[in-house]
Amino acid sequence: MSPVRYQIKFLPIAEEDFSEIITFIAADNPNAAESLADKIEKSIQLLTENPLMGRKPRDEEIRKLGYRYLIVQNYLVFYVVEDKKIFIHRILHGARNYKILL
């Protein structure tokens, strides 16, 4: 029996985050941008079979909203699991104040 696969859905703001991050890095180092894009995409793809692999945020307010996150190099991929879907909410640099951006 094959494992249940969850469907990935990107919120428009998360798509924008991803595009901005990769474009910014590519302006200086296209190879690094491509490598990071691959790592982010592969990490997100792993969620289809293991949606709870991301960490729960320490911040109680954010945790109560159901957020989890993946760490990919210096970036945090915030997502929520609902039914058999994973909604990617934001992809943010770890140094940013994510609490006000979620």
PDB file of N, CA and C in Angstrom:
ATOM      1  N   MET A   1       0.842  -1.180   0.000  1.00  0.00           N
ATOM      2  CA  MET A   1       0.000   0.000   0.000  1.00  0.00           C
ATOM      3  C   MET A   1       0.888   1.244   0.000  1.00  0.00           C
ATOM      4  N   SER A   2       0.624   2.151  -0.910  1.00  0.00           N
ATOM      5  CA  SER A   2       1.456   3.356  -1.002  1.00  0.00           C
ATOM      6  C   SER A   2       1.018   4.394   0.028  1.00  0.00           C
ATOM      7  N   PRO A   3       1.967   5.210   0.489  1.00  0.00           N
ATOM      8  CA  PRO A   3       1.629   6.210   1.505  1.00  0.00           C
ATOM      9  C   PRO A   3       0.694   7.280   0.941  1.00  0.00           C
ATOM     10  N   VAL A   4      -0.093   7.859   1.818  1.00  0.00           N
ATOM     11  CA  VAL A   4      -0.982   8.952   1.421  1.00  0.00           C
ATOM     12  C   VAL A   4      -0.122  10.165   1.102  1.00  0.00           C
ATOM     13  N   ARG A   5      -0.381  10.762  -0.037  1.00  0.00           N
ATOM     14  CA  ARG A   5       0.372  11.954  -0.429  1.00  0.00           C
ATOM     15  C   ARG A   5      -0.495  13.188  -0.227  1.00  0.00           C
ATOM     16  N   TYR A   6       0.078  14.156   0.405  1.00  0.00           N
ATOM     17  CA  TYR A   6      -0.604  15.426   0.610  1.00  0.00           C
ATOM     18  C   TYR A   6      -0.329  16.323  -0.594  1.00  0.00           C
ATOM     19  N   GLN A   7      -1.274  17.177  -0.884  1.00  0.00           N
ATOM     20  CA  GLN A   7      -1.138  18.105  -2.003  1.00  0.00           C
ATOM     21  C   GLN A   7      -0.536  19.416  -1.498  1.00  0.00           C
ATOM     22  N   ILE A   8       0.396  19.972  -2.257  1.00  0.00           N
ATOM     23  CA  ILE A   8       1.040  21.237  -1.897  1.00  0.00           C
ATOM     24  C   ILE A   8       0.341  22.384  -2.612  1.00  0.00           C
ATOM     25  N   LYS A   9       0.005  23.424  -1.873  1.00  0.00           N
ATOM     26  CA  LYS A   9      -0.585  24.644  -2.435  1.00  0.00           C
ATOM     27  C   LYS A   9       0.215  25.831  -1.915  1.00  0.00           C
ATOM     28  N   PHE A  10       0.674  26.670  -2.824  1.00  0.00           N
ATOM     29  CA  PHE A  10       1.386  27.888  -2.445  1.00  0.00           C
ATOM     30  C   PHE A  10       0.412  29.049  -2.396  1.00  0.00           C
ATOM     31  N   LEU A  11       0.424  29.802  -1.303  1.00  0.00           N
ATOM     32  CA  LEU A  11      -0.300  31.057  -1.291  1.00  0.00           C
ATOM     33  C   LEU A  11       0.446  32.017  -2.212  1.00  0.00           C
ATOM     34  N   PRO A  12      -0.258  32.953  -2.846  1.00  0.00           N
ATOM     35  CA  PRO A  12       0.417  33.889  -3.757  1.00  0.00           C
ATOM     36  C   PRO A  12       1.603  34.611  -3.116  1.00  0.00           C
ATOM     37  N   ILE A  13       1.491  34.981  -1.853  1.00  0.00           N
ATOM     38  CA  ILE A  13       2.589  35.691  -1.180  1.00  0.00           C
ATOM     39  C   ILE A  13       3.815  34.783  -1.041  1.00  0.00           C
ATOM     40  N   ALA A  14       3.610  33.484  -0.856  1.00  0.00           N
ATOM     41  CA  ALA A  14       4.735  32.542  -0.762  1.00  0.00           C
ATOM     42  C   ALA A  14       5.417  32.394  -2.121  1.00  0.00           C
ATOM     43  N   GLU A  15       4.628  32.379  -3.193  1.00  0.00           N
ATOM     44  CA  GLU A  15       5.206  32.336  -4.540  1.00  0.00           C
ATOM     45  C   GLU A  15       6.051  33.580  -4.784  1.00  0.00           C
ATOM     46  N   GLU A  16       5.527  34.715  -4.326  1.00  0.00           N
ATOM     47  CA  GLU A  16       6.250  35.986  -4.453  1.00  0.00           C
ATOM     48  C   GLU A  16       7.549  35.949  -3.642  1.00  0.00           C
ATOM     49  N   ASP A  17       7.473  35.460  -2.418  1.00  0.00           N
ATOM     50  CA  ASP A  17       8.672  35.331  -1.575  1.00  0.00           C
ATOM     51  C   ASP A  17       9.741  34.523  -2.303  1.00  0.00           C
ATOM     52  N   PHE A  18       9.342  33.362  -2.812  1.00  0.00           N
ATOM     53  CA  PHE A  18      10.282  32.457  -3.480  1.00  0.00           C
ATOM     54  C   PHE A  18      10.936  33.157  -4.670  1.00  0.00           C
ATOM     55  N   SER A  19      10.123  33.780  -5.485  1.00  0.00           N
ATOM     56  CA  SER A  19      10.633  34.468  -6.671  1.00  0.00           C
ATOM     57  C   SER A  19      11.593  35.594  -6.300  1.00  0.00           C
ATOM     58  N   GLU A  20      11.231  36.390  -5.312  1.00  0.00           N
ATOM     59  CA  GLU A  20      12.085  37.507  -4.883  1.00  0.00           C
ATOM     60  C   GLU A  20      13.419  37.012  -4.322  1.00  0.00           C
ATOM     61  N   ILE A  21      13.384  35.970  -3.533  1.00  0.00           N
ATOM     62  CA  ILE A  21      14.614  35.420  -2.943  1.00  0.00           C
ATOM     63  C   ILE A  21      15.553  34.931  -4.038  1.00  0.00           C
ATOM     64  N   ILE A  22      15.018  34.142  -4.945  1.00  0.00           N
ATOM     65  CA  ILE A  22      15.852  33.557  -6.001  1.00  0.00           C
ATOM     66  C   ILE A  22      16.365  34.642  -6.947  1.00  0.00           C
ATOM     67  N   THR A  23      15.535  35.605  -7.299  1.00  0.00           N
ATOM     68  CA  THR A  23      15.955  36.701  -8.179  1.00  0.00           C
ATOM     69  C   THR A  23      17.058  37.521  -7.529  1.00  0.00           C
ATOM     70  N   PHE A  24      16.906  37.822  -6.247  1.00  0.00           N
ATOM     71  CA  PHE A  24      17.906  38.610  -5.523  1.00  0.00           C
ATOM     72  C   PHE A  24      19.253  37.890  -5.501  1.00  0.00           C
ATOM     73  N   ILE A  25      19.243  36.613  -5.177  1.00  0.00           N
ATOM     74  CA  ILE A  25      20.492  35.852  -5.103  1.00  0.00           C
ATOM     75  C   ILE A  25      21.095  35.667  -6.498  1.00  0.00           C
ATOM     76  N   ALA A  26      20.251  35.435  -7.496  1.00  0.00           N
ATOM     77  CA  ALA A  26      20.728  35.199  -8.865  1.00  0.00           C
ATOM     78  C   ALA A  26      21.441  36.412  -9.447  1.00  0.00           C
ATOM     79  N   ALA A  27      21.076  37.604  -8.993  1.00  0.00           N
ATOM     80  CA  ALA A  27      21.732  38.815  -9.492  1.00  0.00           C
ATOM     81  C   ALA A  27      23.219  38.800  -9.168  1.00  0.00           C
ATOM     82  N   ASP A  28      23.574  38.170  -8.067  1.00  0.00           N
ATOM     83  CA  ASP A  28      24.971  38.107  -7.635  1.00  0.00           C
ATOM     84  C   ASP A  28      25.621  36.756  -7.937  1.00  0.00           C
ATOM     85  N   ASN A  29      24.823  35.682  -7.796  1.00  0.00           N
ATOM     86  CA  ASN A  29      25.388  34.340  -7.942  1.00  0.00           C
ATOM     87  C   ASN A  29      24.311  33.373  -8.458  1.00  0.00           C
ATOM     88  N   PRO A  30      24.168  33.250  -9.782  1.00  0.00           N
ATOM     89  CA  PRO A  30      23.129  32.384 -10.355  1.00  0.00           C
ATOM     90  C   PRO A  30      23.207  30.925  -9.893  1.00  0.00           C
ATOM     91  N   ASN A  31      24.406  30.404  -9.710  1.00  0.00           N
ATOM     92  CA  ASN A  31      24.537  29.010  -9.265  1.00  0.00           C
ATOM     93  C   ASN A  31      24.006  28.819  -7.851  1.00  0.00           C
ATOM     94  N   ALA A  32      24.293  29.770  -6.979  1.00  0.00           N
ATOM     95  CA  ALA A  32      23.785  29.691  -5.601  1.00  0.00           C
ATOM     96  C   ALA A  32      22.263  29.793  -5.591  1.00  0.00           C
ATOM     97  N   ALA A  33      21.721  30.644  -6.462  1.00  0.00           N
ATOM     98  CA  ALA A  33      20.267  30.798  -6.545  1.00  0.00           C
ATOM     99  C   ALA A  33      19.612  29.495  -6.990  1.00  0.00           C
ATOM    100  N   GLU A  34      20.197  28.866  -7.994  1.00  0.00           N
ATOM    101  CA  GLU A  34      19.653  27.598  -8.493  1.00  0.00           C
ATOM    102  C   GLU A  34      19.744  26.508  -7.422  1.00  0.00           C
ATOM    103  N   SER A  35      20.854  26.471  -6.718  1.00  0.00           N
ATOM    104  CA  SER A  35      21.039  25.487  -5.655  1.00  0.00           C
ATOM    105  C   SER A  35      20.016  25.685  -4.535  1.00  0.00           C
ATOM    106  N   LEU A  36      19.815  26.932  -4.126  1.00  0.00           N
ATOM    107  CA  LEU A  36      18.838  27.215  -3.072  1.00  0.00           C
ATOM    108  C   LEU A  36      17.429  26.873  -3.537  1.00  0.00           C
ATOM    109  N   ALA A  37      17.088  27.241  -4.760  1.00  0.00           N
ATOM    110  CA  ALA A  37      15.758  26.929  -5.295  1.00  0.00           C
ATOM    111  C   ALA A  37      15.517  25.421  -5.251  1.00  0.00           C
ATOM    112  N   ASP A  38      16.511  24.642  -5.669  1.00  0.00           N
ATOM    113  CA  ASP A  38      16.385  23.178  -5.637  1.00  0.00           C
ATOM    114  C   ASP A  38      16.186  22.665  -4.214  1.00  0.00           C
ATOM    115  N   LYS A  39      16.949  23.203  -3.273  1.00  0.00           N
ATOM    116  CA  LYS A  39      16.839  22.751  -1.878  1.00  0.00           C
ATOM    117  C   LYS A  39      15.465  23.076  -1.291  1.00  0.00           C
ATOM    118  N   ILE A  40      14.970  24.275  -1.576  1.00  0.00           N
ATOM    119  CA  ILE A  40      13.646  24.655  -1.072  1.00  0.00           C
ATOM    120  C   ILE A  40      12.580  23.753  -1.688  1.00  0.00           C
ATOM    121  N   GLU A  41      12.642  23.564  -3.000  1.00  0.00           N
ATOM    122  CA  GLU A  41      11.647  22.724  -3.680  1.00  0.00           C
ATOM    123  C   GLU A  41      11.683  21.285  -3.171  1.00  0.00           C
ATOM    124  N   LYS A  42      12.869  20.731  -2.983  1.00  0.00           N
ATOM    125  CA  LYS A  42      12.988  19.351  -2.489  1.00  0.00           C
ATOM    126  C   LYS A  42      12.468  19.223  -1.059  1.00  0.00           C
ATOM    127  N   SER A  43      12.765  20.210  -0.225  1.00  0.00           N
ATOM    128  CA  SER A  43      12.282  20.175   1.163  1.00  0.00           C
ATOM    129  C   SER A  43      10.762  20.220   1.207  1.00  0.00           C
ATOM    130  N   ILE A  44      10.182  21.089   0.388  1.00  0.00           N
ATOM    131  CA  ILE A  44       8.720  21.194   0.343  1.00  0.00           C
ATOM    132  C   ILE A  44       8.117  19.900  -0.192  1.00  0.00           C
ATOM    133  N   GLN A  45       8.743  19.310  -1.183  1.00  0.00           N
ATOM    134  CA  GLN A  45       8.242  18.059  -1.759  1.00  0.00           C
ATOM    135  C   GLN A  45       8.223  16.934  -0.723  1.00  0.00           C
ATOM    136  N   LEU A  46       9.178  16.930   0.193  1.00  0.00           N
ATOM    137  CA  LEU A  46       9.205  15.913   1.247  1.00  0.00           C
ATOM    138  C   LEU A  46       7.951  15.969   2.122  1.00  0.00           C
ATOM    139  N   LEU A  47       7.342  17.139   2.205  1.00  0.00           N
ATOM    140  CA  LEU A  47       6.135  17.290   3.014  1.00  0.00           C
ATOM    141  C   LEU A  47       4.966  16.468   2.479  1.00  0.00           C
ATOM    142  N   THR A  48       4.965  16.153   1.193  1.00  0.00           N
ATOM    143  CA  THR A  48       3.840  15.407   0.618  1.00  0.00           C
ATOM    144  C   THR A  48       3.658  14.045   1.281  1.00  0.00           C
ATOM    145  N   GLU A  49       4.754  13.463   1.763  1.00  0.00           N
ATOM    146  CA  GLU A  49       4.669  12.167   2.433  1.00  0.00           C
ATOM    147  C   GLU A  49       4.820  12.269   3.947  1.00  0.00           C
ATOM    148  N   ASN A  50       5.349  13.379   4.422  1.00  0.00           N
ATOM    149  CA  ASN A  50       5.565  13.556   5.858  1.00  0.00           C
ATOM    150  C   ASN A  50       5.228  14.999   6.251  1.00  0.00           C
ATOM    151  N   PRO A  51       3.947  15.342   6.260  1.00  0.00           N
ATOM    152  CA  PRO A  51       3.545  16.733   6.472  1.00  0.00           C
ATOM    153  C   PRO A  51       3.874  17.308   7.851  1.00  0.00           C
ATOM    154  N   LEU A  52       4.125  16.457   8.820  1.00  0.00           N
ATOM    155  CA  LEU A  52       4.408  16.952  10.168  1.00  0.00           C
ATOM    156  C   LEU A  52       5.901  17.006  10.466  1.00  0.00           C
ATOM    157  N   MET A  53       6.731  16.900   9.437  1.00  0.00           N
ATOM    158  CA  MET A  53       8.180  16.901   9.660  1.00  0.00           C
ATOM    159  C   MET A  53       8.709  18.268  10.068  1.00  0.00           C
ATOM    160  N   GLY A  54       7.993  19.326   9.749  1.00  0.00           N
ATOM    161  CA  GLY A  54       8.437  20.666  10.128  1.00  0.00           C
ATOM    162  C   GLY A  54       8.294  20.903  11.620  1.00  0.00           C
ATOM    163  N   ARG A  55       9.074  21.830  12.099  1.00  0.00           N
ATOM    164  CA  ARG A  55       9.026  22.184  13.524  1.00  0.00           C
ATOM    165  C   ARG A  55       7.814  23.060  13.819  1.00  0.00           C
ATOM    166  N   LYS A  56       7.368  22.987  15.065  1.00  0.00           N
ATOM    167  CA  LYS A  56       6.341  23.917  15.532  1.00  0.00           C
ATOM    168  C   LYS A  56       7.062  25.163  16.043  1.00  0.00           C
ATOM    169  N   PRO A  57       6.546  26.349  15.723  1.00  0.00           N
ATOM    170  CA  PRO A  57       7.187  27.573  16.218  1.00  0.00           C
ATOM    171  C   PRO A  57       7.145  27.649  17.741  1.00  0.00           C
ATOM    172  N   ARG A  58       8.141  28.281  18.314  1.00  0.00           N
ATOM    173  CA  ARG A  58       8.168  28.471  19.772  1.00  0.00           C
ATOM    174  C   ARG A  58       7.116  29.476  20.213  1.00  0.00           C
ATOM    175  N   ASP A  59       6.868  30.463  19.368  1.00  0.00           N
ATOM    176  CA  ASP A  59       5.894  31.504  19.682  1.00  0.00           C
ATOM    177  C   ASP A  59       4.491  30.893  19.762  1.00  0.00           C
ATOM    178  N   GLU A  60       3.872  31.029  20.934  1.00  0.00           N
ATOM    179  CA  GLU A  60       2.584  30.384  21.167  1.00  0.00           C
ATOM    180  C   GLU A  60       1.488  30.888  20.234  1.00  0.00           C
ATOM    181  N   GLU A  61       1.456  32.196  19.970  1.00  0.00           N
ATOM    182  CA  GLU A  61       0.428  32.753  19.081  1.00  0.00           C
ATOM    183  C   GLU A  61       0.488  32.116  17.703  1.00  0.00           C
ATOM    184  N   ILE A  62       1.680  31.998  17.172  1.00  0.00           N
ATOM    185  CA  ILE A  62       1.858  31.430  15.835  1.00  0.00           C
ATOM    186  C   ILE A  62       1.588  29.930  15.853  1.00  0.00           C
ATOM    187  N   ARG A  63       2.022  29.267  16.888  1.00  0.00           N
ATOM    188  CA  ARG A  63       1.780  27.829  17.022  1.00  0.00           C
ATOM    189  C   ARG A  63       0.279  27.539  17.068  1.00  0.00           C
ATOM    190  N   LYS A  64      -0.479  28.373  17.786  1.00  0.00           N
ATOM    191  CA  LYS A  64      -1.930  28.187  17.890  1.00  0.00           C
ATOM    192  C   LYS A  64      -2.629  28.313  16.539  1.00  0.00           C
ATOM    193  N   LEU A  65      -2.011  29.041  15.609  1.00  0.00           N
ATOM    194  CA  LEU A  65      -2.581  29.196  14.270  1.00  0.00           C
ATOM    195  C   LEU A  65      -2.294  27.984  13.382  1.00  0.00           C
ATOM    196  N   GLY A  66      -1.544  27.020  13.919  1.00  0.00           N
ATOM    197  CA  GLY A  66      -1.290  25.782  13.197  1.00  0.00           C
ATOM    198  C   GLY A  66      -0.056  25.785  12.321  1.00  0.00           C
ATOM    199  N   TYR A  67       0.762  26.815  12.440  1.00  0.00           N
ATOM    200  CA  TYR A  67       1.961  26.892  11.603  1.00  0.00           C
ATOM    201  C   TYR A  67       3.009  25.866  12.008  1.00  0.00           C
ATOM    202  N   ARG A  68       3.705  25.396  11.008  1.00  0.00           N
ATOM    203  CA  ARG A  68       4.931  24.626  11.149  1.00  0.00           C
ATOM    204  C   ARG A  68       5.924  25.275  10.204  1.00  0.00           C
ATOM    205  N   TYR A  69       7.204  24.919  10.352  1.00  0.00           N
ATOM    206  CA  TYR A  69       8.179  25.487   9.424  1.00  0.00           C
ATOM    207  C   TYR A  69       9.324  24.524   9.167  1.00  0.00           C
ATOM    208  N   LEU A  70       9.894  24.682   7.989  1.00  0.00           N
ATOM    209  CA  LEU A  70      11.100  23.964   7.587  1.00  0.00           C
ATOM    210  C   LEU A  70      12.240  24.962   7.568  1.00  0.00           C
ATOM    211  N   ILE A  71      13.419  24.502   7.891  1.00  0.00           N
ATOM    212  CA  ILE A  71      14.611  25.341   7.779  1.00  0.00           C
ATOM    213  C   ILE A  71      15.377  24.862   6.547  1.00  0.00           C
ATOM    214  N   VAL A  72      15.586  25.787   5.615  1.00  0.00           N
ATOM    215  CA  VAL A  72      16.357  25.489   4.409  1.00  0.00           C
ATOM    216  C   VAL A  72      17.437  26.559   4.311  1.00  0.00           C
ATOM    217  N   GLN A  73      18.648  26.180   4.669  1.00  0.00           N
ATOM    218  CA  GLN A  73      19.769  27.111   4.775  1.00  0.00           C
ATOM    219  C   GLN A  73      19.370  28.262   5.703  1.00  0.00           C
ATOM    220  N   ASN A  74      19.354  29.493   5.204  1.00  0.00           N
ATOM    221  CA  ASN A  74      19.012  30.643   6.052  1.00  0.00           C
ATOM    222  C   ASN A  74      17.534  31.016   5.984  1.00  0.00           C
ATOM    223  N   TYR A  75      16.731  30.168   5.375  1.00  0.00           N
ATOM    224  CA  TYR A  75      15.331  30.505   5.121  1.00  0.00           C
ATOM    225  C   TYR A  75      14.385  29.600   5.892  1.00  0.00           C
ATOM    226  N   LEU A  76      13.228  30.153   6.218  1.00  0.00           N
ATOM    227  CA  LEU A  76      12.176  29.424   6.919  1.00  0.00           C
ATOM    228  C   LEU A  76      10.974  29.327   5.991  1.00  0.00           C
ATOM    229  N   VAL A  77      10.476  28.115   5.801  1.00  0.00           N
ATOM    230  CA  VAL A  77       9.301  27.876   4.968  1.00  0.00           C
ATOM    231  C   VAL A  77       8.141  27.595   5.921  1.00  0.00           C
ATOM    232  N   PHE A  78       7.217  28.547   6.028  1.00  0.00           N
ATOM    233  CA  PHE A  78       6.078  28.406   6.935  1.00  0.00           C
ATOM    234  C   PHE A  78       4.902  27.789   6.194  1.00  0.00           C
ATOM    235  N   TYR A  79       4.281  26.802   6.836  1.00  0.00           N
ATOM    236  CA  TYR A  79       3.154  26.130   6.198  1.00  0.00           C
ATOM    237  C   TYR A  79       2.133  25.685   7.240  1.00  0.00           C
ATOM    238  N   VAL A  80       0.942  25.353   6.738  1.00  0.00           N
ATOM    239  CA  VAL A  80      -0.149  24.853   7.565  1.00  0.00           C
ATOM    240  C   VAL A  80      -0.694  23.605   6.880  1.00  0.00           C
ATOM    241  N   VAL A  81      -1.015  22.589   7.668  1.00  0.00           N
ATOM    242  CA  VAL A  81      -1.605  21.358   7.140  1.00  0.00           C
ATOM    243  C   VAL A  81      -3.097  21.388   7.440  1.00  0.00           C
ATOM    244  N   GLU A  82      -3.901  21.212   6.388  1.00  0.00           N
ATOM    245  CA  GLU A  82      -5.358  21.142   6.536  1.00  0.00           C
ATOM    246  C   GLU A  82      -5.860  19.992   5.686  1.00  0.00           C
ATOM    247  N   ASP A  83      -6.527  19.039   6.309  1.00  0.00           N
ATOM    248  CA  ASP A  83      -6.994  17.836   5.628  1.00  0.00           C
ATOM    249  C   ASP A  83      -5.809  17.174   4.934  1.00  0.00           C
ATOM    250  N   LYS A  84      -5.869  16.985   3.661  1.00  0.00           N
ATOM    251  CA  LYS A  84      -4.773  16.347   2.910  1.00  0.00           C
ATOM    252  C   LYS A  84      -4.032  17.379   2.061  1.00  0.00           C
ATOM    253  N   LYS A  85      -4.056  18.624   2.519  1.00  0.00           N
ATOM    254  CA  LYS A  85      -3.384  19.700   1.791  1.00  0.00           C
ATOM    255  C   LYS A  85      -2.387  20.407   2.695  1.00  0.00           C
ATOM    256  N   ILE A  86      -1.309  20.851   2.083  1.00  0.00           N
ATOM    257  CA  ILE A  86      -0.288  21.630   2.776  1.00  0.00           C
ATOM    258  C   ILE A  86      -0.253  22.991   2.104  1.00  0.00           C
ATOM    259  N   PHE A  87      -0.523  24.024   2.877  1.00  0.00           N
ATOM    260  CA  PHE A  87      -0.532  25.382   2.352  1.00  0.00           C
ATOM    261  C   PHE A  87       0.765  26.079   2.753  1.00  0.00           C
ATOM    262  N   ILE A  88       1.566  26.427   1.757  1.00  0.00           N
ATOM    263  CA  ILE A  88       2.809  27.151   2.002  1.00  0.00           C
ATOM    264  C   ILE A  88       2.431  28.622   2.130  1.00  0.00           C
ATOM    265  N   HIS A  89       2.646  29.186   3.325  1.00  0.00           N
ATOM    266  CA  HIS A  89       2.229  30.563   3.592  1.00  0.00           C
ATOM    267  C   HIS A  89       3.306  31.588   3.282  1.00  0.00           C
ATOM    268  N   ARG A  90       4.513  31.336   3.735  1.00  0.00           N
ATOM    269  CA  ARG A  90       5.606  32.295   3.520  1.00  0.00           C
ATOM    270  C   ARG A  90       6.928  31.551   3.431  1.00  0.00           C
ATOM    271  N   ILE A  91       7.885  32.179   2.737  1.00  0.00           N
ATOM    272  CA  ILE A  91       9.277  31.725   2.709  1.00  0.00           C
ATOM    273  C   ILE A  91      10.099  32.957   3.053  1.00  0.00           C
ATOM    274  N   LEU A  92      10.687  32.963   4.238  1.00  0.00           N
ATOM    275  CA  LEU A  92      11.325  34.168   4.770  1.00  0.00           C
ATOM    276  C   LEU A  92      12.748  33.889   5.237  1.00  0.00           C
ATOM    277  N   HIS A  93      13.581  34.895   5.122  1.00  0.00           N
ATOM    278  CA  HIS A  93      14.936  34.787   5.667  1.00  0.00           C
ATOM    279  C   HIS A  93      14.821  34.672   7.184  1.00  0.00           C
ATOM    280  N   GLY A  94      15.636  33.836   7.771  1.00  0.00           N
ATOM    281  CA  GLY A  94      15.576  33.586   9.209  1.00  0.00           C
ATOM    282  C   GLY A  94      15.819  34.804  10.074  1.00  0.00           C
ATOM    283  N   ALA A  95      16.479  35.833   9.533  1.00  0.00           N
ATOM    284  CA  ALA A  95      16.765  37.037  10.315  1.00  0.00           C
ATOM    285  C   ALA A  95      15.575  37.999  10.354  1.00  0.00           C
ATOM    286  N   ARG A  96      14.573  37.754   9.529  1.00  0.00           N
ATOM    287  CA  ARG A  96      13.415  38.659   9.496  1.00  0.00           C
ATOM    288  C   ARG A  96      12.484  38.382  10.672  1.00  0.00           C
ATOM    289  N   ASN A  97      11.698  39.376  11.019  1.00  0.00           N
ATOM    290  CA  ASN A  97      10.721  39.228  12.095  1.00  0.00           C
ATOM    291  C   ASN A  97       9.484  38.545  11.516  1.00  0.00           C
ATOM    292  N   TYR A  98       9.510  37.220  11.490  1.00  0.00           N
ATOM    293  CA  TYR A  98       8.433  36.487  10.834  1.00  0.00           C
ATOM    294  C   TYR A  98       7.090  36.656  11.528  1.00  0.00           C
ATOM    295  N   LYS A  99       7.111  36.962  12.815  1.00  0.00           N
ATOM    296  CA  LYS A  99       5.854  37.079  13.559  1.00  0.00           C
ATOM    297  C   LYS A  99       4.945  38.151  12.963  1.00  0.00           C
ATOM    298  N   ILE A 100       5.522  39.257  12.517  1.00  0.00           N
ATOM    299  CA  ILE A 100       4.684  40.317  11.941  1.00  0.00           C
ATOM    300  C   ILE A 100       4.368  40.066  10.465  1.00  0.00           C
ATOM    301  N   LEU A 101       5.060  39.106   9.847  1.00  0.00           N
ATOM    302  CA  LEU A 101       4.862  38.843   8.420  1.00  0.00           C
ATOM    303  C   LEU A 101       3.913  37.680   8.140  1.00  0.00           C
ATOM    304  N   LEU A 102       3.568  36.917   9.156  1.00  0.00           N
ATOM    305  CA  LEU A 102       2.661  35.781   8.944  1.00  0.00           C
ATOM    306  C   LEU A 102       1.209  36.203   9.048  1.00  0.00           C
TER     307      LEU A 102
END
